[in-house]
Amino acid sequence: NLYYFEDHDQLIKNLANKFLKIINKSSINRKSRI
């Protein structure tokens, strides 16, 4: 999936939210490795 953002702040928020979902899911029973 290629996302093309014109607004840098929106890019950061979008990517951060994707990170948050992955980190929360992967760290339930162990340490998350990023």
PDB file of all heavy atoms in Angstrom:
ATOM      1  N   ASN A   1       0.852  -1.190   0.000  1.00  0.00           N
ATOM      2  CA  ASN A   1       0.000   0.000   0.000  1.00  0.00           C
ATOM      3  C   ASN A   1       0.888   1.241   0.000  1.00  0.00           C
ATOM      4  O   ASN A   1       1.724   1.413   0.896  1.00  0.00           O
ATOM      5  CB  ASN A   1      -0.909   0.039   1.228  1.00  0.00           C
ATOM      6  CG  ASN A   1      -2.033  -0.977   1.141  1.00  0.00           C
ATOM      7  OD1 ASN A   1      -2.467  -1.342   0.047  1.00  0.00           O
ATOM      8  ND2 ASN A   1      -2.508  -1.442   2.281  1.00  0.00           N
ATOM      9  N   LEU A   2       0.720   2.111  -0.990  1.00  0.00           N
ATOM     10  CA  LEU A   2       1.470   3.357  -1.070  1.00  0.00           C
ATOM     11  C   LEU A   2       0.540   4.518  -0.725  1.00  0.00           C
ATOM     12  O   LEU A   2      -0.459   4.737  -1.408  1.00  0.00           O
ATOM     13  CB  LEU A   2       2.052   3.549  -2.478  1.00  0.00           C
ATOM     14  CG  LEU A   2       3.030   2.474  -2.970  1.00  0.00           C
ATOM     15  CD1 LEU A   2       3.418   2.756  -4.413  1.00  0.00           C
ATOM     16  CD2 LEU A   2       4.264   2.434  -2.088  1.00  0.00           C
ATOM     17  N   TYR A   3       0.876   5.245   0.326  1.00  0.00           N
ATOM     18  CA  TYR A   3       0.085   6.406   0.735  1.00  0.00           C
ATOM     19  C   TYR A   3       0.860   7.669   0.380  1.00  0.00           C
ATOM     20  O   TYR A   3       2.008   7.834   0.793  1.00  0.00           O
ATOM     21  CB  TYR A   3      -0.170   6.379   2.251  1.00  0.00           C
ATOM     22  CG  TYR A   3      -1.055   5.247   2.716  1.00  0.00           C
ATOM     23  CD1 TYR A   3      -0.518   3.991   3.018  1.00  0.00           C
ATOM     24  CD2 TYR A   3      -2.433   5.428   2.869  1.00  0.00           C
ATOM     25  CE1 TYR A   3      -1.325   2.947   3.448  1.00  0.00           C
ATOM     26  CE2 TYR A   3      -3.243   4.395   3.308  1.00  0.00           C
ATOM     27  CZ  TYR A   3      -2.686   3.162   3.596  1.00  0.00           C
ATOM     28  OH  TYR A   3      -3.491   2.131   4.022  1.00  0.00           O
ATOM     29  N   TYR A   4       0.230   8.557  -0.362  1.00  0.00           N
ATOM     30  CA  TYR A   4       0.852   9.821  -0.760  1.00  0.00           C
ATOM     31  C   TYR A   4       0.164  10.946   0.014  1.00  0.00           C
ATOM     32  O   TYR A   4      -1.009  11.254  -0.233  1.00  0.00           O
ATOM     33  CB  TYR A   4       0.707  10.048  -2.264  1.00  0.00           C
ATOM     34  CG  TYR A   4       1.377   8.999  -3.112  1.00  0.00           C
ATOM     35  CD1 TYR A   4       0.710   7.813  -3.448  1.00  0.00           C
ATOM     36  CD2 TYR A   4       2.673   9.174  -3.588  1.00  0.00           C
ATOM     37  CE1 TYR A   4       1.329   6.839  -4.231  1.00  0.00           C
ATOM     38  CE2 TYR A   4       3.280   8.209  -4.372  1.00  0.00           C
ATOM     39  CZ  TYR A   4       2.609   7.047  -4.690  1.00  0.00           C
ATOM     40  OH  TYR A   4       3.214   6.091  -5.460  1.00  0.00           O
ATOM     41  N   PHE A   5       0.880  11.553   0.957  1.00  0.00           N
ATOM     42  CA  PHE A   5       0.325  12.631   1.773  1.00  0.00           C
ATOM     43  C   PHE A   5       0.850  13.981   1.302  1.00  0.00           C
ATOM     44  O   PHE A   5       2.046  14.143   1.069  1.00  0.00           O
ATOM     45  CB  PHE A   5       0.709  12.446   3.245  1.00  0.00           C
ATOM     46  CG  PHE A   5      -0.040  11.357   3.951  1.00  0.00           C
ATOM     47  CD1 PHE A   5       0.390  10.039   3.875  1.00  0.00           C
ATOM     48  CD2 PHE A   5      -1.172  11.644   4.693  1.00  0.00           C
ATOM     49  CE1 PHE A   5      -0.291   9.025   4.522  1.00  0.00           C
ATOM     50  CE2 PHE A   5      -1.859  10.634   5.354  1.00  0.00           C
ATOM     51  CZ  PHE A   5      -1.421   9.324   5.271  1.00  0.00           C
ATOM     52  N   GLU A   6      -0.042  14.947   1.201  1.00  0.00           N
ATOM     53  CA  GLU A   6       0.369  16.321   0.903  1.00  0.00           C
ATOM     54  C   GLU A   6       0.688  17.072   2.192  1.00  0.00           C
ATOM     55  O   GLU A   6       1.477  18.007   2.189  1.00  0.00           O
ATOM     56  CB  GLU A   6      -0.740  17.044   0.131  1.00  0.00           C
ATOM     57  CG  GLU A   6      -0.990  16.455  -1.252  1.00  0.00           C
ATOM     58  CD  GLU A   6      -2.072  17.190  -2.009  1.00  0.00           C
ATOM     59  OE1 GLU A   6      -2.523  18.252  -1.513  1.00  0.00           O
ATOM     60  OE2 GLU A   6      -2.469  16.729  -3.083  1.00  0.00           O
ATOM     61  N   ASP A   7       0.074  16.634   3.295  1.00  0.00           N
ATOM     62  CA  ASP A   7       0.253  17.299   4.584  1.00  0.00           C
ATOM     63  C   ASP A   7       1.125  16.417   5.483  1.00  0.00           C
ATOM     64  O   ASP A   7       0.753  15.279   5.800  1.00  0.00           O
ATOM     65  CB  ASP A   7      -1.116  17.549   5.235  1.00  0.00           C
ATOM     66  CG  ASP A   7      -0.991  18.317   6.541  1.00  0.00           C
ATOM     67  OD1 ASP A   7      -0.701  17.688   7.574  1.00  0.00           O
ATOM     68  OD2 ASP A   7      -1.182  19.539   6.509  1.00  0.00           O
ATOM     69  N   HIS A   8       2.291  16.920   5.897  1.00  0.00           N
ATOM     70  CA  HIS A   8       3.237  16.111   6.667  1.00  0.00           C
ATOM     71  C   HIS A   8       2.686  15.747   8.041  1.00  0.00           C
ATOM     72  O   HIS A   8       2.905  14.631   8.542  1.00  0.00           O
ATOM     73  CB  HIS A   8       4.561  16.860   6.826  1.00  0.00           C
ATOM     74  CG  HIS A   8       5.642  16.020   7.442  1.00  0.00           C
ATOM     75  ND1 HIS A   8       6.177  16.275   8.683  1.00  0.00           N
ATOM     76  CD2 HIS A   8       6.281  14.899   7.002  1.00  0.00           C
ATOM     77  CE1 HIS A   8       7.087  15.374   8.967  1.00  0.00           C
ATOM     78  NE2 HIS A   8       7.174  14.532   7.978  1.00  0.00           N
ATOM     79  N   ASP A   9       1.951  16.657   8.680  1.00  0.00           N
ATOM     80  CA  ASP A   9       1.378  16.371   9.996  1.00  0.00           C
ATOM     81  C   ASP A   9       0.404  15.193   9.922  1.00  0.00           C
ATOM     82  O   ASP A   9       0.365  14.346  10.820  1.00  0.00           O
ATOM     83  CB  ASP A   9       0.657  17.602  10.559  1.00  0.00           C
ATOM     84  CG  ASP A   9       1.632  18.688  10.991  1.00  0.00           C
ATOM     85  OD1 ASP A   9       2.818  18.363  11.199  1.00  0.00           O
ATOM     86  OD2 ASP A   9       1.218  19.850  11.122  1.00  0.00           O
ATOM     87  N   GLN A  10      -0.393  15.144   8.859  1.00  0.00           N
ATOM     88  CA  GLN A  10      -1.327  14.037   8.709  1.00  0.00           C
ATOM     89  C   GLN A  10      -0.598  12.722   8.464  1.00  0.00           C
ATOM     90  O   GLN A  10      -1.015  11.669   8.938  1.00  0.00           O
ATOM     91  CB  GLN A  10      -2.304  14.324   7.570  1.00  0.00           C
ATOM     92  CG  GLN A  10      -3.388  15.314   7.942  1.00  0.00           C
ATOM     93  CD  GLN A  10      -4.642  15.117   7.110  1.00  0.00           C
ATOM     94  OE1 GLN A  10      -4.663  14.320   6.172  1.00  0.00           O
ATOM     95  NE2 GLN A  10      -5.689  15.837   7.443  1.00  0.00           N
ATOM     96  N   LEU A  11       0.488  12.780   7.716  1.00  0.00           N
ATOM     97  CA  LEU A  11       1.301  11.584   7.504  1.00  0.00           C
ATOM     98  C   LEU A  11       1.777  11.030   8.842  1.00  0.00           C
ATOM     99  O   LEU A  11       1.664   9.832   9.118  1.00  0.00           O
ATOM    100  CB  LEU A  11       2.499  11.918   6.614  1.00  0.00           C
ATOM    101  CG  LEU A  11       3.445  10.783   6.203  1.00  0.00           C
ATOM    102  CD1 LEU A  11       4.165  11.139   4.920  1.00  0.00           C
ATOM    103  CD2 LEU A  11       4.482  10.466   7.280  1.00  0.00           C
ATOM    104  N   ILE A  12       2.323  11.913   9.684  1.00  0.00           N
ATOM    105  CA  ILE A  12       2.857  11.500  10.989  1.00  0.00           C
ATOM    106  C   ILE A  12       1.759  10.902  11.862  1.00  0.00           C
ATOM    107  O   ILE A  12       1.941   9.836  12.471  1.00  0.00           O
ATOM    108  CB  ILE A  12       3.522  12.699  11.698  1.00  0.00           C
ATOM    109  CG1 ILE A  12       4.748  13.176  10.913  1.00  0.00           C
ATOM    110  CG2 ILE A  12       3.905  12.328  13.129  1.00  0.00           C
ATOM    111  CD1 ILE A  12       5.816  12.133  10.709  1.00  0.00           C
ATOM    112  N   LYS A  13       0.604  11.551  11.934  1.00  0.00           N
ATOM    113  CA  LYS A  13      -0.492  11.056  12.776  1.00  0.00           C
ATOM    114  C   LYS A  13      -1.010   9.715  12.269  1.00  0.00           C
ATOM    115  O   LYS A  13      -1.301   8.810  13.058  1.00  0.00           O
ATOM    116  CB  LYS A  13      -1.622  12.087  12.820  1.00  0.00           C
ATOM    117  CG  LYS A  13      -1.260  13.350  13.588  1.00  0.00           C
ATOM    118  CD  LYS A  13      -2.385  14.370  13.533  1.00  0.00           C
ATOM    119  CE  LYS A  13      -1.986  15.656  14.253  1.00  0.00           C
ATOM    120  NZ  LYS A  13      -3.050  16.691  14.177  1.00  0.00           N
ATOM    121  N   ASN A  14      -1.141   9.581  10.954  1.00  0.00           N
ATOM    122  CA  ASN A  14      -1.631   8.338  10.366  1.00  0.00           C
ATOM    123  C   ASN A  14      -0.675   7.191  10.663  1.00  0.00           C
ATOM    124  O   ASN A  14      -1.091   6.097  11.081  1.00  0.00           O
ATOM    125  CB  ASN A  14      -1.801   8.530   8.856  1.00  0.00           C
ATOM    126  CG  ASN A  14      -2.411   7.335   8.162  1.00  0.00           C
ATOM    127  OD1 ASN A  14      -1.750   6.318   7.953  1.00  0.00           O
ATOM    128  ND2 ASN A  14      -3.672   7.450   7.775  1.00  0.00           N
ATOM    129  N   LEU A  15       0.615   7.435  10.469  1.00  0.00           N
ATOM    130  CA  LEU A  15       1.626   6.402  10.706  1.00  0.00           C
ATOM    131  C   LEU A  15       1.721   6.059  12.191  1.00  0.00           C
ATOM    132  O   LEU A  15       1.830   4.886  12.564  1.00  0.00           O
ATOM    133  CB  LEU A  15       2.975   6.884  10.176  1.00  0.00           C
ATOM    134  CG  LEU A  15       4.113   5.864  10.088  1.00  0.00           C
ATOM    135  CD1 LEU A  15       3.682   4.623   9.322  1.00  0.00           C
ATOM    136  CD2 LEU A  15       5.335   6.492   9.424  1.00  0.00           C
ATOM    137  N   ALA A  16       1.649   7.065  13.047  1.00  0.00           N
ATOM    138  CA  ALA A  16       1.716   6.839  14.491  1.00  0.00           C
ATOM    139  C   ALA A  16       0.554   5.974  14.975  1.00  0.00           C
ATOM    140  O   ALA A  16       0.733   5.090  15.826  1.00  0.00           O
ATOM    141  CB  ALA A  16       1.721   8.175  15.230  1.00  0.00           C
ATOM    142  N   ASN A  17      -0.630   6.196  14.441  1.00  0.00           N
ATOM    143  CA  ASN A  17      -1.796   5.400  14.826  1.00  0.00           C
ATOM    144  C   ASN A  17      -1.659   3.952  14.374  1.00  0.00           C
ATOM    145  O   ASN A  17      -2.083   3.027  15.078  1.00  0.00           O
ATOM    146  CB  ASN A  17      -3.069   6.022  14.263  1.00  0.00           C
ATOM    147  CG  ASN A  17      -3.471   7.291  15.001  1.00  0.00           C
ATOM    148  OD1 ASN A  17      -3.189   7.434  16.198  1.00  0.00           O
ATOM    149  ND2 ASN A  17      -4.111   8.218  14.307  1.00  0.00           N
ATOM    150  N   LYS A  18      -1.064   3.740  13.201  1.00  0.00           N
ATOM    151  CA  LYS A  18      -0.805   2.376  12.740  1.00  0.00           C
ATOM    152  C   LYS A  18       0.202   1.696  13.666  1.00  0.00           C
ATOM    153  O   LYS A  18       0.050   0.520  14.024  1.00  0.00           O
ATOM    154  CB  LYS A  18      -0.296   2.382  11.296  1.00  0.00           C
ATOM    155  CG  LYS A  18      -1.337   2.791  10.258  1.00  0.00           C
ATOM    156  CD  LYS A  18      -0.758   2.731   8.860  1.00  0.00           C
ATOM    157  CE  LYS A  18      -1.766   3.225   7.823  1.00  0.00           C
ATOM    158  NZ  LYS A  18      -2.979   2.404   7.765  1.00  0.00           N
ATOM    159  N   PHE A  19       1.239   2.420  14.061  1.00  0.00           N
ATOM    160  CA  PHE A  19       2.234   1.903  15.002  1.00  0.00           C
ATOM    161  C   PHE A  19       1.568   1.505  16.319  1.00  0.00           C
ATOM    162  O   PHE A  19       1.848   0.445  16.879  1.00  0.00           O
ATOM    163  CB  PHE A  19       3.310   2.957  15.272  1.00  0.00           C
ATOM    164  CG  PHE A  19       4.423   2.973  14.263  1.00  0.00           C
ATOM    165  CD1 PHE A  19       4.215   2.612  12.946  1.00  0.00           C
ATOM    166  CD2 PHE A  19       5.700   3.366  14.635  1.00  0.00           C
ATOM    167  CE1 PHE A  19       5.233   2.632  12.019  1.00  0.00           C
ATOM    168  CE2 PHE A  19       6.738   3.388  13.718  1.00  0.00           C
ATOM    169  CZ  PHE A  19       6.506   3.026  12.409  1.00  0.00           C
ATOM    170  N   LEU A  20       0.706   2.378  16.827  1.00  0.00           N
ATOM    171  CA  LEU A  20       0.066   2.165  18.123  1.00  0.00           C
ATOM    172  C   LEU A  20      -0.743   0.865  18.122  1.00  0.00           C
ATOM    173  O   LEU A  20      -0.675   0.082  19.083  1.00  0.00           O
ATOM    174  CB  LEU A  20      -0.839   3.353  18.463  1.00  0.00           C
ATOM    175  CG  LEU A  20      -1.565   3.279  19.816  1.00  0.00           C
ATOM    176  CD1 LEU A  20      -0.563   3.236  20.956  1.00  0.00           C
ATOM    177  CD2 LEU A  20      -2.506   4.471  19.979  1.00  0.00           C
ATOM    178  N   LYS A  21      -1.500   0.617  17.071  1.00  0.00           N
ATOM    179  CA  LYS A  21      -2.310  -0.602  16.983  1.00  0.00           C
ATOM    180  C   LYS A  21      -1.427  -1.843  16.993  1.00  0.00           C
ATOM    181  O   LYS A  21      -1.717  -2.827  17.684  1.00  0.00           O
ATOM    182  CB  LYS A  21      -3.166  -0.579  15.710  1.00  0.00           C
ATOM    183  CG  LYS A  21      -4.297   0.431  15.743  1.00  0.00           C
ATOM    184  CD  LYS A  21      -5.075   0.416  14.436  1.00  0.00           C
ATOM    185  CE  LYS A  21      -6.184   1.468  14.443  1.00  0.00           C
ATOM    186  NZ  LYS A  21      -6.928   1.495  13.147  1.00  0.00           N
ATOM    187  N   ILE A  22      -0.339  -1.803  16.238  1.00  0.00           N
ATOM    188  CA  ILE A  22       0.567  -2.958  16.168  1.00  0.00           C
ATOM    189  C   ILE A  22       1.256  -3.183  17.510  1.00  0.00           C
ATOM    190  O   ILE A  22       1.351  -4.320  18.001  1.00  0.00           O
ATOM    191  CB  ILE A  22       1.616  -2.752  15.058  1.00  0.00           C
ATOM    192  CG1 ILE A  22       0.935  -2.750  13.683  1.00  0.00           C
ATOM    193  CG2 ILE A  22       2.692  -3.842  15.107  1.00  0.00           C
ATOM    194  CD1 ILE A  22       1.837  -2.288  12.543  1.00  0.00           C
ATOM    195  N   ILE A  23       1.734  -2.103  18.119  1.00  0.00           N
ATOM    196  CA  ILE A  23       2.441  -2.211  19.397  1.00  0.00           C
ATOM    197  C   ILE A  23       1.516  -2.737  20.491  1.00  0.00           C
ATOM    198  O   ILE A  23       1.880  -3.623  21.266  1.00  0.00           O
ATOM    199  CB  ILE A  23       3.039  -0.847  19.801  1.00  0.00           C
ATOM    200  CG1 ILE A  23       4.222  -0.504  18.883  1.00  0.00           C
ATOM    201  CG2 ILE A  23       3.489  -0.859  21.256  1.00  0.00           C
ATOM    202  CD1 ILE A  23       4.741   0.911  19.055  1.00  0.00           C
ATOM    203  N   ASN A  24       0.303  -2.203  20.582  1.00  0.00           N
ATOM    204  CA  ASN A  24      -0.645  -2.639  21.619  1.00  0.00           C
ATOM    205  C   ASN A  24      -1.002  -4.111  21.462  1.00  0.00           C
ATOM    206  O   ASN A  24      -1.088  -4.861  22.447  1.00  0.00           O
ATOM    207  CB  ASN A  24      -1.915  -1.787  21.565  1.00  0.00           C
ATOM    208  CG  ASN A  24      -1.714  -0.402  22.159  1.00  0.00           C
ATOM    209  OD1 ASN A  24      -0.752  -0.179  22.901  1.00  0.00           O
ATOM    210  ND2 ASN A  24      -2.590   0.519  21.835  1.00  0.00           N
ATOM    211  N   LYS A  25      -1.183  -4.544  20.221  1.00  0.00           N
ATOM    212  CA  LYS A  25      -1.542  -5.943  19.974  1.00  0.00           C
ATOM    213  C   LYS A  25      -0.386  -6.882  20.274  1.00  0.00           C
ATOM    214  O   LYS A  25      -0.571  -7.942  20.897  1.00  0.00           O
ATOM    215  CB  LYS A  25      -2.003  -6.112  18.525  1.00  0.00           C
ATOM    216  CG  LYS A  25      -2.479  -7.521  18.196  1.00  0.00           C
ATOM    217  CD  LYS A  25      -2.968  -7.605  16.753  1.00  0.00           C
ATOM    218  CE  LYS A  25      -3.437  -9.018  16.412  1.00  0.00           C
ATOM    219  NZ  LYS A  25      -3.918  -9.114  15.013  1.00  0.00           N
ATOM    220  N   SER A  26       0.806  -6.516  19.854  1.00  0.00           N
ATOM    221  CA  SER A  26       1.964  -7.412  19.991  1.00  0.00           C
ATOM    222  C   SER A  26       2.520  -7.453  21.409  1.00  0.00           C
ATOM    223  O   SER A  26       3.267  -8.374  21.757  1.00  0.00           O
ATOM    224  CB  SER A  26       3.071  -7.003  19.017  1.00  0.00           C
ATOM    225  OG  SER A  26       3.512  -5.683  19.272  1.00  0.00           O
ATOM    226  N   SER A  27       2.184  -6.457  22.241  1.00  0.00           N
ATOM    227  CA  SER A  27       2.762  -6.384  23.595  1.00  0.00           C
ATOM    228  C   SER A  27       1.814  -6.898  24.675  1.00  0.00           C
ATOM    229  O   SER A  27       2.066  -6.703  25.863  1.00  0.00           O
ATOM    230  CB  SER A  27       3.170  -4.938  23.918  1.00  0.00           C
ATOM    231  OG  SER A  27       2.046  -4.082  23.905  1.00  0.00           O
ATOM    232  N   ILE A  28       0.744  -7.580  24.271  1.00  0.00           N
ATOM    233  CA  ILE A  28      -0.213  -8.090  25.269  1.00  0.00           C
ATOM    234  C   ILE A  28       0.440  -9.140  26.159  1.00  0.00           C
ATOM    235  O   ILE A  28       0.335  -9.094  27.390  1.00  0.00           O
ATOM    236  CB  ILE A  28      -1.459  -8.685  24.560  1.00  0.00           C
ATOM    237  CG1 ILE A  28      -2.252  -7.572  23.867  1.00  0.00           C
ATOM    238  CG2 ILE A  28      -2.344  -9.415  25.577  1.00  0.00           C
ATOM    239  CD1 ILE A  28      -3.419  -8.081  23.034  1.00  0.00           C
ATOM    240  N   ASN A  29       1.121 -10.100  25.549  1.00  0.00           N
ATOM    241  CA  ASN A  29       1.684 -11.214  26.322  1.00  0.00           C
ATOM    242  C   ASN A  29       3.205 -11.255  26.344  1.00  0.00           C
ATOM    243  O   ASN A  29       3.794 -12.160  26.942  1.00  0.00           O
ATOM    244  CB  ASN A  29       1.167 -12.548  25.760  1.00  0.00           C
ATOM    245  CG  ASN A  29      -0.344 -12.672  25.890  1.00  0.00           C
ATOM    246  OD1 ASN A  29      -0.914 -12.362  26.940  1.00  0.00           O
ATOM    247  ND2 ASN A  29      -0.999 -13.110  24.819  1.00  0.00           N
ATOM    248  N   ARG A  30       3.851 -10.295  25.684  1.00  0.00           N
ATOM    249  CA  ARG A  30       5.307 -10.279  25.640  1.00  0.00           C
ATOM    250  C   ARG A  30       5.772  -8.878  25.256  1.00  0.00           C
ATOM    251  O   ARG A  30       4.953  -7.988  25.048  1.00  0.00           O
ATOM    252  CB  ARG A  30       5.827 -11.285  24.594  1.00  0.00           C
ATOM    253  CG  ARG A  30       5.307 -11.009  23.186  1.00  0.00           C
ATOM    254  CD  ARG A  30       6.037 -11.828  22.154  1.00  0.00           C
ATOM    255  NE  ARG A  30       5.486 -11.692  20.825  1.00  0.00           N
ATOM    256  CZ  ARG A  30       5.728 -10.671  19.998  1.00  0.00           C
ATOM    257  NH1 ARG A  30       6.521  -9.672  20.382  1.00  0.00           N
ATOM    258  NH2 ARG A  30       5.182 -10.621  18.800  1.00  0.00           N
ATOM    259  N   LYS A  31       7.088  -8.705  25.179  1.00  0.00           N
ATOM    260  CA  LYS A  31       7.617  -7.419  24.738  1.00  0.00           C
ATOM    261  C   LYS A  31       7.459  -7.273  23.228  1.00  0.00           C
ATOM    262  O   LYS A  31       7.713  -8.208  22.475  1.00  0.00           O
ATOM    263  CB  LYS A  31       9.094  -7.273  25.111  1.00  0.00           C
ATOM    264  CG  LYS A  31       9.324  -7.006  26.589  1.00  0.00           C
ATOM    265  CD  LYS A  31      10.781  -6.674  26.866  1.00  0.00           C
ATOM    266  CE  LYS A  31      10.975  -6.300  28.332  1.00  0.00           C
ATOM    267  NZ  LYS A  31      12.379  -5.929  28.622  1.00  0.00           N
ATOM    268  N   SER A  32       7.030  -6.089  22.808  1.00  0.00           N
ATOM    269  CA  SER A  32       6.921  -5.795  21.386  1.00  0.00           C
ATOM    270  C   SER A  32       8.295  -5.424  20.856  1.00  0.00           C
ATOM    271  O   SER A  32       9.046  -4.688  21.500  1.00  0.00           O
ATOM    272  CB  SER A  32       5.939  -4.643  21.162  1.00  0.00           C
ATOM    273  OG  SER A  32       5.801  -4.359  19.800  1.00  0.00           O
ATOM    274  N   ARG A  33       8.644  -5.928  19.676  1.00  0.00           N
ATOM    275  CA  ARG A  33       9.965  -5.695  19.090  1.00  0.00           C
ATOM    276  C   ARG A  33       9.807  -4.806  17.859  1.00  0.00           C
ATOM    277  O   ARG A  33       9.237  -5.229  16.845  1.00  0.00           O
ATOM    278  CB  ARG A  33      10.631  -7.017  18.725  1.00  0.00           C
ATOM    279  CG  ARG A  33      10.817  -7.954  19.908  1.00  0.00           C
ATOM    280  CD  ARG A  33      11.515  -9.234  19.502  1.00  0.00           C
ATOM    281  NE  ARG A  33      10.705 -10.043  18.620  1.00  0.00           N
ATOM    282  CZ  ARG A  33       9.884 -10.997  19.025  1.00  0.00           C
ATOM    283  NH1 ARG A  33       9.733 -11.244  20.316  1.00  0.00           N
ATOM    284  NH2 ARG A  33       9.194 -11.707  18.146  1.00  0.00           N
ATOM    285  N   ILE A  34      10.319  -3.580  17.950  1.00  0.00           N
ATOM    286  CA  ILE A  34      10.197  -2.674  16.812  1.00  0.00           C
ATOM    287  C   ILE A  34      11.583  -2.203  16.368  1.00  0.00           C
ATOM    288  O   ILE A  34      12.504  -2.060  17.178  1.00  0.00           O
ATOM    289  CB  ILE A  34       9.281  -1.467  17.117  1.00  0.00           C
ATOM    290  CG1 ILE A  34       9.869  -0.553  18.163  1.00  0.00           C
ATOM    291  CG2 ILE A  34       7.911  -1.947  17.568  1.00  0.00           C
ATOM    292  CD1 ILE A  34       9.020   0.700  18.415  1.00  0.00           C
TER     293      ILE A  34
END
